[in-house]
Amino acid sequence: MTVINENFTVHTKGNTDIIDLTPQIRNVVYSHELQNAMIYVYAQGSTVSVTNIEFEPGLLVDFPEVMEKLVPSNQEYHHDSMWHDGNGYAHIRASIVGNSTYVPLIDGLIQLGQWQQIVLVDFDNKARARKINVQIIY
């Protein structure tokens, strides 16, 4: 088994900012000219997530609205009382969604559905620079 590790940084606006990582992931993976592998995408941080979604205008509104209903940002959280940073909701949202995803590479192509992208969701309450790790296992 061989493992390739690469990373890149994405600058976010925070507040459930959703960024399509698919083009960067394709560039990283396809630069190695592999045929079959497992691609692991991981975002460093406890208030950020990586998931798969259709990156389209309706869902870019729906997803933050649903997250606000599930884990309201205007509620007081014990984390906020301890750290006074006002982002307790961001930690909970990120832990629900998760900070990584796997996608197979088969016959030289990343196996995403026609309307499926790999996205980063930054739940924090401020802009951030997010490090994205891409691990290719073959």
C-alpha atoms as a PDB file:
ATOM      1  CA  MET A   1       0.000   0.000   0.000  1.00  0.00           C
ATOM      2  CA  THR A   2       1.258   3.462  -0.924  1.00  0.00           C
ATOM      3  CA  VAL A   3       0.051   6.699   0.636  1.00  0.00           C
ATOM      4  CA  ILE A   4       0.327  10.172  -0.897  1.00  0.00           C
ATOM      5  CA  ASN A   5      -0.294  13.187   1.345  1.00  0.00           C
ATOM      6  CA  GLU A   6      -1.006  16.655  -0.009  1.00  0.00           C
ATOM      7  CA  ASN A   7      -2.675  19.746   1.413  1.00  0.00           C
ATOM      8  CA  PHE A   8      -3.913  23.167   0.452  1.00  0.00           C
ATOM      9  CA  THR A   9      -5.466  26.127   2.238  1.00  0.00           C
ATOM     10  CA  VAL A  10      -8.912  27.602   1.703  1.00  0.00           C
ATOM     11  CA  HIS A  11      -9.920  31.030   3.002  1.00  0.00           C
ATOM     12  CA  THR A  12     -13.475  31.193   4.322  1.00  0.00           C
ATOM     13  CA  LYS A  13     -15.935  33.821   5.485  1.00  0.00           C
ATOM     14  CA  GLY A  14     -17.251  31.715   8.393  1.00  0.00           C
ATOM     15  CA  ASN A  15     -20.931  31.658   9.341  1.00  0.00           C
ATOM     16  CA  THR A  16     -21.728  28.427   7.436  1.00  0.00           C
ATOM     17  CA  ASP A  17     -19.705  29.447   4.395  1.00  0.00           C
ATOM     18  CA  ILE A  18     -19.851  26.568   1.884  1.00  0.00           C
ATOM     19  CA  ILE A  19     -16.947  26.166  -0.553  1.00  0.00           C
ATOM     20  CA  ASP A  20     -16.731  23.665  -3.398  1.00  0.00           C
ATOM     21  CA  LEU A  21     -13.437  21.785  -2.977  1.00  0.00           C
ATOM     22  CA  THR A  22     -14.007  19.480  -5.957  1.00  0.00           C
ATOM     23  CA  PRO A  23     -11.773  21.355  -8.443  1.00  0.00           C
ATOM     24  CA  GLN A  24      -8.828  21.445  -6.010  1.00  0.00           C
ATOM     25  CA  ILE A  25      -9.322  17.769  -5.104  1.00  0.00           C
ATOM     26  CA  ARG A  26      -9.393  16.798  -8.785  1.00  0.00           C
ATOM     27  CA  ASN A  27      -6.184  18.762  -9.426  1.00  0.00           C
ATOM     28  CA  VAL A  28      -4.406  17.017  -6.559  1.00  0.00           C
ATOM     29  CA  VAL A  29      -5.618  13.522  -7.434  1.00  0.00           C
ATOM     30  CA  TYR A  30      -5.292  13.699 -11.216  1.00  0.00           C
ATOM     31  CA  SER A  31      -1.744  15.084 -10.997  1.00  0.00           C
ATOM     32  CA  HIS A  32      -0.642  11.622  -9.843  1.00  0.00           C
ATOM     33  CA  GLU A  33      -2.158   9.816 -12.854  1.00  0.00           C
ATOM     34  CA  LEU A  34      -3.461   6.915 -10.758  1.00  0.00           C
ATOM     35  CA  GLN A  35      -6.110   4.437 -11.852  1.00  0.00           C
ATOM     36  CA  ASN A  36      -7.544   3.053  -8.609  1.00  0.00           C
ATOM     37  CA  ALA A  37      -7.256   4.512  -5.149  1.00  0.00           C
ATOM     38  CA  MET A  38      -9.145   5.736  -2.122  1.00  0.00           C
ATOM     39  CA  ILE A  39      -9.216   9.514  -1.615  1.00  0.00           C
ATOM     40  CA  TYR A  40      -9.561  10.801   1.930  1.00  0.00           C
ATOM     41  CA  VAL A  41     -10.314  14.512   2.401  1.00  0.00           C
ATOM     42  CA  TYR A  42      -9.958  15.988   5.884  1.00  0.00           C
ATOM     43  CA  ALA A  43     -10.316  19.546   7.206  1.00  0.00           C
ATOM     44  CA  GLN A  44      -8.310  20.544  10.255  1.00  0.00           C
ATOM     45  CA  GLY A  45     -10.322  22.301  12.939  1.00  0.00           C
ATOM     46  CA  SER A  46     -13.195  21.726  15.323  1.00  0.00           C
ATOM     47  CA  THR A  47     -15.625  24.204  13.732  1.00  0.00           C
ATOM     48  CA  VAL A  48     -15.300  23.072  10.108  1.00  0.00           C
ATOM     49  CA  SER A  49     -16.733  20.150   8.134  1.00  0.00           C
ATOM     50  CA  VAL A  50     -16.151  18.323   4.872  1.00  0.00           C
ATOM     51  CA  THR A  51     -19.068  16.555   3.227  1.00  0.00           C
ATOM     52  CA  ASN A  52     -20.668  15.765  -0.107  1.00  0.00           C
ATOM     53  CA  ILE A  53     -23.604  17.798  -1.393  1.00  0.00           C
ATOM     54  CA  GLU A  54     -24.949  19.248  -4.595  1.00  0.00           C
ATOM     55  CA  PHE A  55     -23.283  22.672  -4.761  1.00  0.00           C
ATOM     56  CA  GLU A  56     -26.212  24.633  -6.175  1.00  0.00           C
ATOM     57  CA  PRO A  57     -27.888  27.910  -5.148  1.00  0.00           C
ATOM     58  CA  GLY A  58     -30.940  26.347  -3.483  1.00  0.00           C
ATOM     59  CA  LEU A  59     -28.934  24.051  -1.235  1.00  0.00           C
ATOM     60  CA  LEU A  60     -26.468  26.828  -0.461  1.00  0.00           C
ATOM     61  CA  VAL A  61     -29.431  28.553   1.227  1.00  0.00           C
ATOM     62  CA  ASP A  62     -31.216  25.443   2.534  1.00  0.00           C
ATOM     63  CA  PHE A  63     -28.223  23.898   4.299  1.00  0.00           C
ATOM     64  CA  PRO A  64     -27.420  26.926   6.522  1.00  0.00           C
ATOM     65  CA  GLU A  65     -31.134  27.396   7.279  1.00  0.00           C
ATOM     66  CA  VAL A  66     -31.479  23.777   8.419  1.00  0.00           C
ATOM     67  CA  MET A  67     -28.320  23.973  10.515  1.00  0.00           C
ATOM     68  CA  GLU A  68     -29.665  27.126  12.190  1.00  0.00           C
ATOM     69  CA  LYS A  69     -32.871  25.269  13.093  1.00  0.00           C
ATOM     70  CA  LEU A  70     -30.980  22.222  14.399  1.00  0.00           C
ATOM     71  CA  VAL A  71     -28.282  24.102  16.331  1.00  0.00           C
ATOM     72  CA  PRO A  72     -29.256  27.786  16.736  1.00  0.00           C
ATOM     73  CA  SER A  73     -26.426  30.305  16.793  1.00  0.00           C
ATOM     74  CA  ASN A  74     -28.298  32.685  19.112  1.00  0.00           C
ATOM     75  CA  GLN A  75     -28.491  30.189  21.976  1.00  0.00           C
ATOM     76  CA  GLU A  76     -26.091  30.226  24.928  1.00  0.00           C
ATOM     77  CA  TYR A  77     -23.829  27.163  25.048  1.00  0.00           C
ATOM     78  CA  HIS A  78     -21.639  25.986  27.928  1.00  0.00           C
ATOM     79  CA  HIS A  79     -18.635  26.263  25.606  1.00  0.00           C
ATOM     80  CA  ASP A  80     -19.345  29.988  25.231  1.00  0.00           C
ATOM     81  CA  SER A  81     -19.460  30.458  29.006  1.00  0.00           C
ATOM     82  CA  MET A  82     -16.079  28.800  29.327  1.00  0.00           C
ATOM     83  CA  TRP A  83     -14.227  30.326  26.367  1.00  0.00           C
ATOM     84  CA  HIS A  84     -16.265  33.505  25.654  1.00  0.00           C
ATOM     85  CA  ASP A  85     -15.841  33.088  21.884  1.00  0.00           C
ATOM     86  CA  GLY A  86     -19.511  32.731  20.934  1.00  0.00           C
ATOM     87  CA  ASN A  87     -18.977  29.726  18.675  1.00  0.00           C
ATOM     88  CA  GLY A  88     -20.307  26.831  20.733  1.00  0.00           C
ATOM     89  CA  TYR A  89     -22.919  26.200  18.048  1.00  0.00           C
ATOM     90  CA  ALA A  90     -20.145  25.896  15.416  1.00  0.00           C
ATOM     91  CA  HIS A  91     -18.446  23.092  17.333  1.00  0.00           C
ATOM     92  CA  ILE A  92     -21.702  21.158  17.638  1.00  0.00           C
ATOM     93  CA  ARG A  93     -22.613  21.613  13.964  1.00  0.00           C
ATOM     94  CA  ALA A  94     -19.165  20.490  12.824  1.00  0.00           C
ATOM     95  CA  SER A  95     -19.298  17.400  15.021  1.00  0.00           C
ATOM     96  CA  ILE A  96     -22.702  16.450  13.583  1.00  0.00           C
ATOM     97  CA  VAL A  97     -21.587  16.790   9.952  1.00  0.00           C
ATOM     98  CA  GLY A  98     -18.015  15.510  10.433  1.00  0.00           C
ATOM     99  CA  ASN A  99     -14.702  16.790   9.147  1.00  0.00           C
ATOM    100  CA  SER A 100     -13.849  14.230   6.456  1.00  0.00           C
ATOM    101  CA  THR A 101     -15.084  12.170   3.540  1.00  0.00           C
ATOM    102  CA  TYR A 102     -13.863   9.278   1.408  1.00  0.00           C
ATOM    103  CA  VAL A 103     -14.295   9.070  -2.362  1.00  0.00           C
ATOM    104  CA  PRO A 104     -13.053   6.217  -4.555  1.00  0.00           C
ATOM    105  CA  LEU A 105     -10.919   6.678  -7.646  1.00  0.00           C
ATOM    106  CA  ILE A 106     -11.867   3.970 -10.176  1.00  0.00           C
ATOM    107  CA  ASP A 107     -10.326   3.625 -13.631  1.00  0.00           C
ATOM    108  CA  GLY A 108      -8.723   7.043 -13.270  1.00  0.00           C
ATOM    109  CA  LEU A 109     -11.929   8.927 -12.371  1.00  0.00           C
ATOM    110  CA  ILE A 110     -13.106  10.330  -9.036  1.00  0.00           C
ATOM    111  CA  GLN A 111     -16.431   8.609  -8.356  1.00  0.00           C
ATOM    112  CA  LEU A 112     -18.802  11.480  -7.626  1.00  0.00           C
ATOM    113  CA  GLY A 113     -22.405  11.472  -8.744  1.00  0.00           C
ATOM    114  CA  GLN A 114     -23.485  13.810 -11.517  1.00  0.00           C
ATOM    115  CA  TRP A 115     -24.728  16.419  -9.021  1.00  0.00           C
ATOM    116  CA  GLN A 116     -22.330  15.650  -6.175  1.00  0.00           C
ATOM    117  CA  GLN A 117     -19.416  17.756  -5.008  1.00  0.00           C
ATOM    118  CA  ILE A 118     -16.968  17.660  -2.115  1.00  0.00           C
ATOM    119  CA  VAL A 119     -17.528  20.757  -0.009  1.00  0.00           C
ATOM    120  CA  LEU A 120     -16.084  22.475   3.009  1.00  0.00           C
ATOM    121  CA  VAL A 121     -18.516  24.097   5.447  1.00  0.00           C
ATOM    122  CA  ASP A 122     -17.035  26.609   7.858  1.00  0.00           C
ATOM    123  CA  PHE A 123     -19.401  26.997  10.811  1.00  0.00           C
ATOM    124  CA  ASP A 124     -17.172  29.334  12.839  1.00  0.00           C
ATOM    125  CA  ASN A 125     -18.309  32.895  13.553  1.00  0.00           C
ATOM    126  CA  LYS A 126     -15.376  34.523  11.749  1.00  0.00           C
ATOM    127  CA  ALA A 127     -13.272  34.233   8.603  1.00  0.00           C
ATOM    128  CA  ARG A 128     -10.606  31.551   8.743  1.00  0.00           C
ATOM    129  CA  ALA A 129      -7.780  29.990   6.748  1.00  0.00           C
ATOM    130  CA  ARG A 130      -8.584  26.250   6.642  1.00  0.00           C
ATOM    131  CA  LYS A 131      -5.992  23.590   5.905  1.00  0.00           C
ATOM    132  CA  ILE A 132      -7.351  20.728   3.796  1.00  0.00           C
ATOM    133  CA  ASN A 133      -5.489  17.417   3.797  1.00  0.00           C
ATOM    134  CA  VAL A 134      -5.890  15.046   0.849  1.00  0.00           C
ATOM    135  CA  GLN A 135      -4.645  11.528   1.361  1.00  0.00           C
ATOM    136  CA  ILE A 136      -4.543   9.146  -1.587  1.00  0.00           C
ATOM    137  CA  ILE A 137      -4.221   5.480  -0.694  1.00  0.00           C
ATOM    138  CA  TYR A 138      -3.445   2.905  -3.380  1.00  0.00           C
END
